[in-house]
Amino acid sequence: MTPYARTPFQPAIPFATLAGVRQPPSARWLTRLLLVAFVLLPVTLLLVPWQQTLRGRGQIVAFAPTERKQVVTALVAGRVSQWHVVEGSKVKFGDSIADIEDNDGELAERLEAQRQFLLGRRKAAEEEVAEQDRTVEAQEKAARAAVGAAKANREASSLMIEVAKQGLKNAAFAATFEQGRYEMFDKLFKNTKLGGLESELSRDEAKMRSDRAATDTKRADAEIKRAEATLLTGDSLVLGAEATGLSAVATARRDLRRAEQNRFTVERELQEIDTRIERFKARFVKAPCDGIVFRISADGQVGQFVKEGGELAVIVPDTTDRVIELLIDGVDAPLIAAHMESTGRGPHVRLQFEGWPAVQFAGWPSVATGTFGGKVRQIDPTDDGFGRFRILVEPEEKFEGDTWPEGLYLRQGNQAIGWVFLNRVTLGYELWRQFNGFPPVVAPKPPDKKKDVAKPQKVKSG
């Protein structure tokens, strides 16, 4: 009887075949090994080196705002008469784009006629200003001459006073001398003891000469008063000459200012006409830059009337300074700022352009294929209104084949995906950061305002 044969007095054994199978010892050890590996694998993976990576999506733009899409507008109102380009045309700076004609076909001739008329008025106004300027100069010379003559007469009057005073002194001396001589002759004539040494005729002659000397004294005094009066008249003539000269010069200068104002008015009108002519020349719309005509407005078709400032076309400028603008989550933005502050340069970025197949594994940049190199150029100081921060990535040839495609193939607006590489950490560290939802870095401490910035002095109001 077999060992597992059932007797009538024994109960039935379930899975008798399985019970008879014996497990090899190697299988038991393998099971234990797999169990231990299953337990230790997560712990081991947490210690695996990991490249901190931030992922963002964006597009290609020109770094300079003047090299981004530009809208060509009509500088003057009018009717579109001709287009020189079509959508997709490549233009250079100054190339003709479109012509706009005014509703008045003879406007150019009339503007030129008005300009010639104003040029004639300006020439006449300039001649009038020159004449008035000469008049002012002549009036100033005449005023100086009149004042000089009046001052000379005044000085002559002053000298006449001195001469009259000296004549008065001489006349007074002569009167005194003649009076004494008369008295002596009169005494000698009347003296009876001496028997009349002088005759009556001599005495009378001495009397006459004495009276004449007294008269000369009065005449000299009158001459002094007349000279003083002449001096006062000279003063008044000087003041009158100065007043008359000032009045004449002021009148001439007033006429000069009026002539200059008239010239300024004509020049202003001429400038307005020149401005209208230049604006009329603006009917020939030119390309503001080198680029490609992206779109032509439907409102600017031939025969359509466009308003001043109306859109005509959109040009995409040629640019050699291309960058990628990527939007990074606000949780990751401090990582980039801290990295740039600590290293002094932007972190490296791997880029995948739309239309170029590529493979990129976050955390292992060495296995990436088909991507292009870049470097963070700057990060915006504020978000876009949705908690995302924009970073600009410029080309960087760190590995072979990192040169970006030419602008003919990689144009503005092409979509791109970027992976920003930061610090080397462990996988567990990165998972902990992601699960907690914040970057485990401390931003650089700002400078102490109390030490670096002097407090403004307090000013007390009076």
Protein backbone atom coordinates (compact mmCIF):
# COMPACT_ATOMS: atom_id res chain seq x y z
CA MET A 1 0.00 0.00 0.00
CA THR A 2 1.33 3.53 -0.88
CA PRO A 3 2.12 5.96 1.90
CA TYR A 4 -0.81 8.19 0.92
CA ALA A 5 -3.36 5.41 0.39
CA ARG A 6 -6.51 5.95 2.39
CA THR A 7 -7.80 3.14 4.60
CA PRO A 8 -11.42 2.80 5.39
CA PHE A 9 -10.73 4.07 8.91
CA GLN A 10 -8.62 7.28 7.87
CA PRO A 11 -10.04 10.73 6.89
CA ALA A 12 -9.44 12.19 3.35
CA ILE A 13 -6.24 14.48 2.89
CA PRO A 14 -6.89 17.69 0.77
CA PHE A 15 -4.43 18.48 -2.09
CA ALA A 16 -2.62 15.25 -1.62
CA THR A 17 -0.43 15.90 -4.69
CA LEU A 18 0.63 19.35 -3.45
CA ALA A 19 1.38 17.91 -0.07
CA GLY A 20 3.71 15.44 -1.65
CA VAL A 21 5.75 18.15 -3.41
CA ARG A 22 8.95 19.23 -1.68
CA GLN A 23 10.25 22.93 -2.19
CA PRO A 24 13.96 23.14 -3.06
CA PRO A 25 16.14 25.16 -0.63
CA SER A 26 17.37 27.51 -3.40
CA ALA A 27 13.83 28.66 -4.07
CA ARG A 28 13.33 29.54 -0.46
CA TRP A 29 16.54 31.62 -0.43
CA LEU A 30 15.53 33.39 -3.64
CA THR A 31 12.17 34.28 -2.13
CA ARG A 32 13.82 35.74 0.93
CA LEU A 33 16.28 37.69 -1.24
CA LEU A 34 13.47 39.22 -3.35
CA LEU A 35 11.59 40.12 -0.19
CA VAL A 36 14.63 41.90 1.26
CA ALA A 37 15.26 43.66 -2.08
CA PHE A 38 11.65 44.83 -2.22
CA VAL A 39 12.04 46.34 1.23
CA LEU A 40 15.45 47.97 0.60
CA LEU A 41 14.80 49.19 -2.96
CA PRO A 42 12.79 52.35 -2.00
CA VAL A 43 15.38 53.26 0.59
CA THR A 44 18.16 52.79 -1.96
CA LEU A 45 16.36 54.87 -4.58
CA LEU A 46 16.03 57.72 -2.13
CA LEU A 47 19.83 57.95 -2.05
CA VAL A 48 20.31 57.88 -5.83
CA PRO A 49 21.98 61.08 -7.19
CA TRP A 50 19.49 63.34 -8.88
CA GLN A 51 19.82 66.51 -10.96
CA GLN A 52 17.36 69.12 -9.76
CA THR A 53 15.26 69.99 -12.81
CA LEU A 54 12.55 72.58 -13.40
CA ARG A 55 10.30 72.20 -16.40
CA GLY A 56 8.72 75.07 -18.28
CA ARG A 57 6.93 75.70 -21.54
CA GLY A 58 7.10 78.80 -23.72
CA GLN A 59 7.97 80.18 -27.13
CA ILE A 60 10.74 81.84 -29.11
CA VAL A 61 10.84 85.64 -29.02
CA ALA A 62 13.33 88.38 -29.80
CA PHE A 63 15.10 89.77 -26.78
CA ALA A 64 14.89 93.39 -27.98
CA PRO A 65 11.29 94.68 -28.05
CA THR A 66 12.06 96.55 -31.29
CA GLU A 67 12.81 93.22 -32.99
CA ARG A 68 9.46 91.68 -32.15
CA LYS A 69 6.34 91.84 -34.27
CA GLN A 70 5.67 95.39 -35.38
CA VAL A 71 2.42 96.82 -36.65
CA VAL A 72 2.73 99.15 -39.64
CA THR A 73 0.09 101.88 -39.45
CA ALA A 74 -1.05 104.63 -41.76
CA LEU A 75 0.49 107.97 -40.80
CA VAL A 76 -2.09 109.91 -42.81
CA ALA A 77 -5.71 109.32 -43.68
CA GLY A 78 -6.52 108.51 -47.29
CA ARG A 79 -7.26 105.87 -49.85
CA VAL A 80 -4.91 102.93 -50.41
CA SER A 81 -3.83 103.21 -54.04
CA GLN A 82 -1.15 100.52 -54.33
CA TRP A 83 0.52 97.69 -52.43
CA HIS A 84 4.17 96.85 -53.07
CA VAL A 85 4.29 93.68 -50.95
CA VAL A 86 2.25 90.59 -50.22
CA GLU A 87 2.12 88.35 -47.18
CA GLY A 88 5.43 86.55 -46.88
CA SER A 89 7.44 89.20 -48.74
CA LYS A 90 10.90 89.88 -47.35
CA VAL A 91 11.57 93.60 -46.94
CA LYS A 92 14.50 95.78 -45.99
CA PHE A 93 14.43 98.95 -43.95
CA GLY A 94 12.94 101.76 -46.04
CA ASP A 95 11.36 99.53 -48.69
CA SER A 96 7.98 100.68 -49.97
CA ILE A 97 5.03 98.82 -48.52
CA ALA A 98 1.98 100.75 -49.71
CA ASP A 99 0.90 104.10 -51.17
CA ILE A 100 -1.91 106.18 -49.75
CA GLU A 101 -3.48 108.95 -51.83
CA ASP A 102 -5.45 111.90 -50.48
CA ASN A 103 -8.96 112.58 -51.73
CA ASP A 104 -7.71 115.92 -53.08
CA GLY A 105 -5.51 115.17 -56.08
CA GLU A 106 -4.06 118.72 -56.24
CA LEU A 107 -3.14 118.95 -52.58
CA ALA A 108 0.60 118.63 -53.27
CA GLU A 109 0.61 121.58 -55.70
CA ARG A 110 -1.37 123.78 -53.35
CA LEU A 111 0.88 122.99 -50.41
CA GLU A 112 3.94 123.86 -52.47
CA ALA A 113 2.34 127.14 -53.61
CA GLN A 114 1.58 128.07 -50.01
CA ARG A 115 5.14 127.26 -49.08
CA GLN A 116 6.55 129.53 -51.78
CA PHE A 117 4.22 132.34 -50.68
CA LEU A 118 5.38 131.98 -47.08
CA LEU A 119 9.01 131.96 -48.20
CA GLY A 120 8.40 135.34 -49.85
CA ARG A 121 6.75 136.67 -46.69
CA ARG A 122 9.65 135.43 -44.59
CA LYS A 123 12.16 137.22 -46.85
CA ALA A 124 10.19 140.48 -46.58
CA ALA A 125 9.92 140.05 -42.79
CA GLU A 126 13.68 139.46 -42.53
CA GLU A 127 14.36 142.63 -44.56
CA GLU A 128 12.00 144.60 -42.33
CA VAL A 129 13.79 143.29 -39.25
CA ALA A 130 17.13 144.34 -40.74
CA GLU A 131 15.80 147.85 -41.50
CA GLN A 132 14.36 148.24 -38.02
CA ASP A 133 17.63 147.05 -36.57
CA ARG A 134 19.48 149.74 -38.49
CA THR A 135 16.88 152.28 -37.34
CA VAL A 136 17.46 151.34 -33.72
CA GLU A 137 21.20 151.69 -34.21
CA ALA A 138 20.77 155.12 -35.86
CA GLN A 139 18.43 156.33 -33.10
CA GLU A 140 20.92 155.21 -30.47
CA LYS A 141 23.72 157.12 -32.23
CA ALA A 142 21.53 160.23 -32.58
CA ALA A 143 20.56 160.05 -28.91
CA ARG A 144 24.20 159.74 -27.88
CA ALA A 145 25.14 162.72 -30.13
CA ALA A 146 22.30 164.91 -28.79
CA VAL A 147 23.15 164.12 -25.20
CA GLY A 148 26.82 164.77 -25.92
CA ALA A 149 26.06 168.19 -27.45
CA ALA A 150 23.84 169.15 -24.52
CA LYS A 151 26.53 168.12 -22.06
CA ALA A 152 29.13 170.15 -24.00
CA ASN A 153 26.90 173.27 -23.82
CA ARG A 154 26.43 172.66 -20.12
CA GLU A 155 30.19 172.46 -19.62
CA ALA A 156 30.58 175.72 -21.59
CA SER A 157 27.99 177.35 -19.35
CA SER A 158 29.89 176.16 -16.33
CA LEU A 159 33.09 177.71 -17.70
CA MET A 160 31.25 180.99 -18.39
CA ILE A 161 30.28 181.13 -14.72
CA GLU A 162 33.94 180.85 -13.75
CA VAL A 163 34.88 183.54 -16.26
CA ALA A 164 32.07 185.83 -15.02
CA LYS A 165 33.17 185.36 -11.41
CA GLN A 166 36.72 186.26 -12.34
CA GLY A 167 35.41 189.36 -14.21
CA LEU A 168 33.45 190.33 -11.11
CA LYS A 169 36.62 190.17 -9.05
CA ASN A 170 38.45 192.33 -11.55
CA ALA A 171 35.57 194.81 -11.74
CA ALA A 172 35.35 195.02 -7.96
CA PHE A 173 39.09 195.68 -7.72
CA ALA A 174 38.85 198.36 -10.41
CA ALA A 175 35.85 199.95 -8.69
CA THR A 176 37.72 200.07 -5.38
CA PHE A 177 40.79 201.54 -7.06
CA GLU A 178 38.82 204.16 -8.97
CA GLN A 179 36.81 205.11 -5.89
CA GLY A 180 40.02 205.69 -3.92
CA ARG A 181 41.54 207.68 -6.77
CA TYR A 182 38.40 209.85 -6.94
CA GLU A 183 38.48 210.48 -3.23
CA MET A 184 42.15 211.48 -3.43
CA PHE A 185 41.52 213.90 -6.33
CA ASP A 186 38.51 215.33 -4.56
CA LYS A 187 40.55 215.87 -1.39
CA LEU A 188 43.35 217.55 -3.27
CA PHE A 189 40.84 219.74 -5.12
CA LYS A 190 39.06 220.90 -1.97
CA ASN A 191 42.17 221.43 0.16
CA THR A 192 42.65 225.26 0.38
CA LYS A 193 45.85 225.05 2.31
CA LEU A 194 47.63 223.40 -0.52
CA GLY A 195 46.04 225.81 -2.98
CA GLY A 196 44.14 223.19 -5.06
CA LEU A 197 46.76 220.85 -6.41
CA GLU A 198 44.22 219.11 -8.68
CA SER A 199 41.87 220.75 -11.08
CA GLU A 200 38.14 220.30 -11.13
CA LEU A 201 38.41 218.58 -14.50
CA SER A 202 40.73 215.92 -13.12
CA ARG A 203 38.41 215.36 -10.23
CA ASP A 204 35.37 214.98 -12.47
CA GLU A 205 37.27 212.56 -14.69
CA ALA A 206 38.17 210.46 -11.66
CA LYS A 207 34.50 210.55 -10.61
CA MET A 208 33.42 209.35 -14.04
CA ARG A 209 35.93 206.50 -13.99
CA SER A 210 34.81 205.51 -10.49
CA ASP A 211 31.15 205.39 -11.58
CA ARG A 212 32.09 203.39 -14.66
CA ALA A 213 33.98 200.84 -12.51
CA ALA A 214 30.93 200.49 -10.25
CA THR A 215 28.76 199.88 -13.31
CA ASP A 216 31.21 197.27 -14.58
CA THR A 217 30.94 195.51 -11.21
CA LYS A 218 27.16 195.31 -11.49
CA ARG A 219 27.49 194.14 -15.10
CA ALA A 220 29.90 191.35 -14.02
CA ASP A 221 27.45 190.26 -11.33
CA ALA A 222 24.70 190.15 -13.92
CA GLU A 223 26.93 188.07 -16.19
CA ILE A 224 27.37 185.55 -13.39
CA LYS A 225 23.63 185.24 -12.94
CA ARG A 226 23.16 184.94 -16.71
CA ALA A 227 25.82 182.15 -16.84
CA GLU A 228 24.15 180.33 -13.95
CA ALA A 229 20.82 180.53 -15.76
CA THR A 230 22.49 179.24 -18.91
CA LEU A 231 23.91 176.35 -16.85
CA LEU A 232 20.43 175.43 -15.60
CA THR A 233 19.19 175.60 -19.18
CA GLY A 234 22.04 173.28 -20.18
CA ASP A 235 21.01 170.78 -17.48
CA SER A 236 17.46 170.81 -18.75
CA LEU A 237 18.71 170.38 -22.32
CA VAL A 238 20.78 167.36 -21.25
CA LEU A 239 17.78 165.78 -19.54
CA GLY A 240 15.58 166.60 -22.52
CA ALA A 241 18.09 165.09 -24.95
CA GLU A 242 18.31 161.94 -22.86
CA ALA A 243 14.51 161.64 -22.64
CA THR A 244 14.05 162.32 -26.35
CA GLY A 245 16.76 159.81 -27.23
CA LEU A 246 15.29 157.13 -24.96
CA SER A 247 11.84 157.69 -26.41
CA ALA A 248 13.12 157.49 -29.98
CA VAL A 249 15.17 154.38 -29.25
CA ALA A 250 12.24 152.74 -27.43
CA THR A 251 9.96 153.47 -30.39
CA ALA A 252 12.50 152.03 -32.81
CA ARG A 253 12.96 148.93 -30.65
CA ARG A 254 9.20 148.47 -30.40
CA ASP A 255 8.98 148.53 -34.18
CA LEU A 256 11.89 146.06 -34.28
CA ARG A 257 10.10 143.67 -31.91
CA ARG A 258 6.96 143.92 -34.01
CA ALA A 259 8.98 143.10 -37.11
CA GLU A 260 10.62 140.15 -35.32
CA GLN A 261 7.22 138.91 -34.12
CA ASN A 262 5.94 139.13 -37.67
CA ARG A 263 8.95 137.11 -38.83
CA PHE A 264 8.35 134.50 -36.11
CA THR A 265 4.71 134.24 -37.16
CA VAL A 266 5.71 133.66 -40.77
CA GLU A 267 8.30 131.07 -39.73
CA ARG A 268 5.70 129.24 -37.62
CA GLU A 269 3.30 129.15 -40.55
CA LEU A 270 6.12 127.94 -42.76
CA GLN A 271 6.92 125.17 -40.27
CA GLU A 272 3.26 124.16 -40.25
CA ILE A 273 3.27 123.97 -44.04
CA ASP A 274 6.51 121.95 -43.97
CA THR A 275 4.94 119.62 -41.42
CA ARG A 276 1.89 119.16 -43.65
CA ILE A 277 4.15 118.51 -46.62
CA GLU A 278 6.18 115.94 -44.66
CA ARG A 279 3.00 114.30 -43.43
CA PHE A 280 1.76 114.30 -47.00
CA LYS A 281 4.99 112.56 -47.99
CA ALA A 282 4.16 109.97 -45.34
CA ARG A 283 1.51 108.64 -47.71
CA PHE A 284 4.33 106.43 -49.00
CA VAL A 285 4.45 103.79 -46.25
CA LYS A 286 7.95 102.42 -45.70
CA ALA A 287 9.21 99.33 -43.87
CA PRO A 288 10.42 100.26 -40.36
CA CYS A 289 12.92 97.38 -40.23
CA ASP A 290 14.27 94.33 -42.01
CA GLY A 291 11.89 91.40 -41.82
CA ILE A 292 9.05 89.48 -43.39
CA VAL A 293 5.51 90.72 -43.99
CA PHE A 294 3.46 88.56 -41.69
CA ARG A 295 -0.05 89.81 -42.37
CA ILE A 296 -1.79 92.45 -44.47
CA SER A 297 -4.91 93.98 -42.96
CA ALA A 298 -8.16 93.39 -44.76
CA ASP A 299 -9.11 97.03 -44.14
CA GLY A 300 -6.11 98.15 -46.18
CA GLN A 301 -7.01 96.68 -49.54
CA VAL A 302 -6.63 98.78 -52.67
CA GLY A 303 -9.36 101.41 -52.87
CA GLN A 304 -10.20 101.20 -49.16
CA PHE A 305 -10.15 104.37 -47.07
CA VAL A 306 -7.93 104.12 -43.99
CA LYS A 307 -7.85 106.47 -41.03
CA GLU A 308 -4.74 107.97 -39.53
CA GLY A 309 -3.22 105.29 -37.28
CA GLY A 310 -5.15 102.50 -38.99
CA GLU A 311 -3.41 99.11 -39.20
CA LEU A 312 -1.99 98.20 -42.60
CA ALA A 313 0.35 95.27 -42.07
CA VAL A 314 2.34 93.31 -39.49
CA ILE A 315 6.09 92.72 -39.97
CA VAL A 316 8.17 90.15 -38.14
CA PRO A 317 11.67 91.68 -37.91
CA ASP A 318 14.83 89.72 -38.58
CA THR A 319 16.68 89.13 -35.36
CA THR A 320 19.92 87.51 -34.32
CA ASP A 321 19.30 87.86 -30.59
CA ARG A 322 16.68 85.16 -30.07
CA VAL A 323 15.63 83.97 -26.63
CA ILE A 324 13.10 81.53 -25.24
CA GLU A 325 10.58 82.80 -22.75
CA LEU A 326 9.58 79.98 -20.41
CA LEU A 327 6.93 80.15 -17.69
CA ILE A 328 8.09 78.62 -14.41
CA ASP A 329 5.86 77.84 -11.47
CA GLY A 330 6.13 80.23 -8.56
CA VAL A 331 7.29 77.41 -6.28
CA ASP A 332 10.37 76.85 -8.45
CA ALA A 333 11.22 80.49 -9.22
CA PRO A 334 13.21 81.06 -5.99
CA LEU A 335 15.46 78.12 -6.90
CA ILE A 336 16.59 79.88 -10.07
CA ALA A 337 17.07 83.21 -8.31
CA ALA A 338 19.13 81.59 -5.55
CA HIS A 339 21.23 79.67 -8.08
CA MET A 340 21.99 82.83 -10.07
CA GLU A 341 22.85 84.72 -6.88
CA SER A 342 25.20 82.03 -5.60
CA THR A 343 26.98 81.19 -8.88
CA GLY A 344 26.87 84.58 -10.57
CA ARG A 345 25.47 83.14 -13.80
CA GLY A 346 22.25 81.66 -15.08
CA PRO A 347 21.73 77.89 -14.82
CA HIS A 348 22.01 75.65 -17.87
CA VAL A 349 18.82 74.77 -19.74
CA ARG A 350 18.06 71.94 -22.16
CA LEU A 351 15.53 72.91 -24.81
CA GLN A 352 13.22 70.94 -27.05
CA PHE A 353 11.83 72.90 -30.00
CA GLU A 354 8.53 72.17 -31.63
CA GLY A 355 9.18 70.09 -34.75
CA TRP A 356 12.55 68.70 -33.57
CA PRO A 357 12.23 65.21 -32.03
CA ALA A 358 14.03 64.88 -28.73
CA VAL A 359 14.18 62.71 -25.62
CA GLN A 360 14.89 64.22 -22.23
CA PHE A 361 14.74 62.46 -18.85
CA ALA A 362 14.35 64.73 -15.86
CA GLY A 363 17.20 64.15 -13.46
CA TRP A 364 19.56 62.55 -15.98
CA PRO A 365 20.66 65.14 -18.56
CA SER A 366 23.38 62.85 -19.88
CA VAL A 367 20.83 60.60 -21.59
CA ALA A 368 19.11 63.47 -23.44
CA THR A 369 19.13 63.37 -27.24
CA GLY A 370 17.89 65.92 -29.76
CA THR A 371 17.84 68.84 -27.31
CA PHE A 372 19.63 72.17 -27.55
CA GLY A 373 21.58 74.11 -24.98
CA GLY A 374 20.63 77.36 -23.32
CA LYS A 375 21.29 79.53 -20.28
CA VAL A 376 18.93 81.59 -18.15
CA ARG A 377 19.49 85.23 -19.04
CA GLN A 378 17.07 86.85 -16.62
CA ILE A 379 13.99 86.21 -14.54
CA ASP A 380 11.10 88.62 -14.25
CA PRO A 381 10.67 90.33 -10.88
CA THR A 382 6.91 89.67 -10.86
CA ASP A 383 4.50 87.02 -12.08
CA ASP A 384 2.19 87.03 -15.07
CA GLY A 385 -0.93 87.33 -12.93
CA PHE A 386 -1.37 83.57 -12.55
CA GLY A 387 1.51 82.79 -10.20
CA ARG A 388 3.97 81.94 -12.99
CA PHE A 389 7.28 83.68 -13.54
CA ARG A 390 8.85 84.27 -16.94
CA ILE A 391 12.50 83.45 -17.56
CA LEU A 392 14.44 84.30 -20.71
CA VAL A 393 16.83 81.64 -22.02
CA GLU A 394 19.64 82.53 -24.43
CA PRO A 395 21.75 80.09 -26.50
CA GLU A 396 24.65 78.30 -24.83
CA GLU A 397 26.82 75.71 -26.57
CA LYS A 398 27.74 73.42 -23.72
CA PHE A 399 27.72 70.15 -25.66
CA GLU A 400 28.29 69.23 -29.27
CA GLY A 401 25.27 70.02 -31.42
CA ASP A 402 23.88 72.68 -29.09
CA THR A 403 23.81 75.33 -31.86
CA TRP A 404 20.25 76.49 -32.38
CA PRO A 405 18.68 76.09 -35.83
CA GLU A 406 18.80 79.08 -38.16
CA GLY A 407 16.12 81.74 -38.01
CA LEU A 408 14.66 80.51 -41.28
CA TYR A 409 13.59 77.30 -39.56
CA LEU A 410 13.30 78.41 -35.95
CA ARG A 411 11.08 81.49 -36.04
CA GLN A 412 9.50 83.72 -33.46
CA GLY A 413 6.46 82.07 -31.98
CA ASN A 414 7.74 78.48 -32.24
CA GLN A 415 6.82 76.55 -29.10
CA ALA A 416 9.53 75.13 -26.87
CA ILE A 417 9.91 73.06 -23.72
CA GLY A 418 12.80 73.69 -21.37
CA TRP A 419 14.40 71.84 -18.47
CA VAL A 420 16.36 74.09 -16.12
CA PHE A 421 19.18 72.20 -14.33
CA LEU A 422 20.12 73.38 -10.87
CA ASN A 423 21.86 71.56 -8.03
CA ARG A 424 22.89 67.89 -7.67
CA VAL A 425 20.78 66.36 -4.90
CA THR A 426 19.43 62.97 -3.93
CA LEU A 427 16.17 61.62 -5.29
CA GLY A 428 14.68 61.59 -1.80
CA TYR A 429 15.59 65.24 -1.31
CA GLU A 430 13.82 66.20 -4.54
CA LEU A 431 10.76 64.09 -3.72
CA TRP A 432 10.59 65.71 -0.32
CA ARG A 433 10.70 69.15 -1.96
CA GLN A 434 7.97 68.24 -4.44
CA PHE A 435 5.70 66.69 -1.83
CA ASN A 436 6.04 69.67 0.51
CA GLY A 437 5.41 72.14 -2.30
CA PHE A 438 8.21 74.60 -1.55
CA PRO A 439 11.89 74.95 -2.44
CA PRO A 440 14.27 73.90 0.37
CA VAL A 441 16.57 76.87 -0.26
CA VAL A 442 17.01 80.15 1.51
CA ALA A 443 17.06 83.23 -0.68
CA PRO A 444 20.07 85.54 -0.23
CA LYS A 445 19.61 87.87 2.70
CA PRO A 446 18.95 91.42 1.54
CA PRO A 447 21.36 94.11 2.75
CA ASP A 448 20.61 95.70 6.07
CA LYS A 449 18.85 98.96 5.31
CA LYS A 450 19.88 100.42 8.67
CA LYS A 451 23.57 100.01 7.81
CA ASP A 452 23.57 100.72 4.07
CA VAL A 453 20.99 103.50 3.84
CA ALA A 454 21.41 106.72 5.78
CA LYS A 455 18.31 108.07 7.40
CA PRO A 456 17.08 111.34 5.94
CA GLN A 457 17.41 114.34 8.18
CA LYS A 458 14.27 115.56 9.84
CA VAL A 459 13.25 119.04 8.82
CA LYS A 460 11.09 121.02 11.18
CA SER A 461 8.60 123.30 9.58
CA GLY A 462 8.69 126.88 10.70
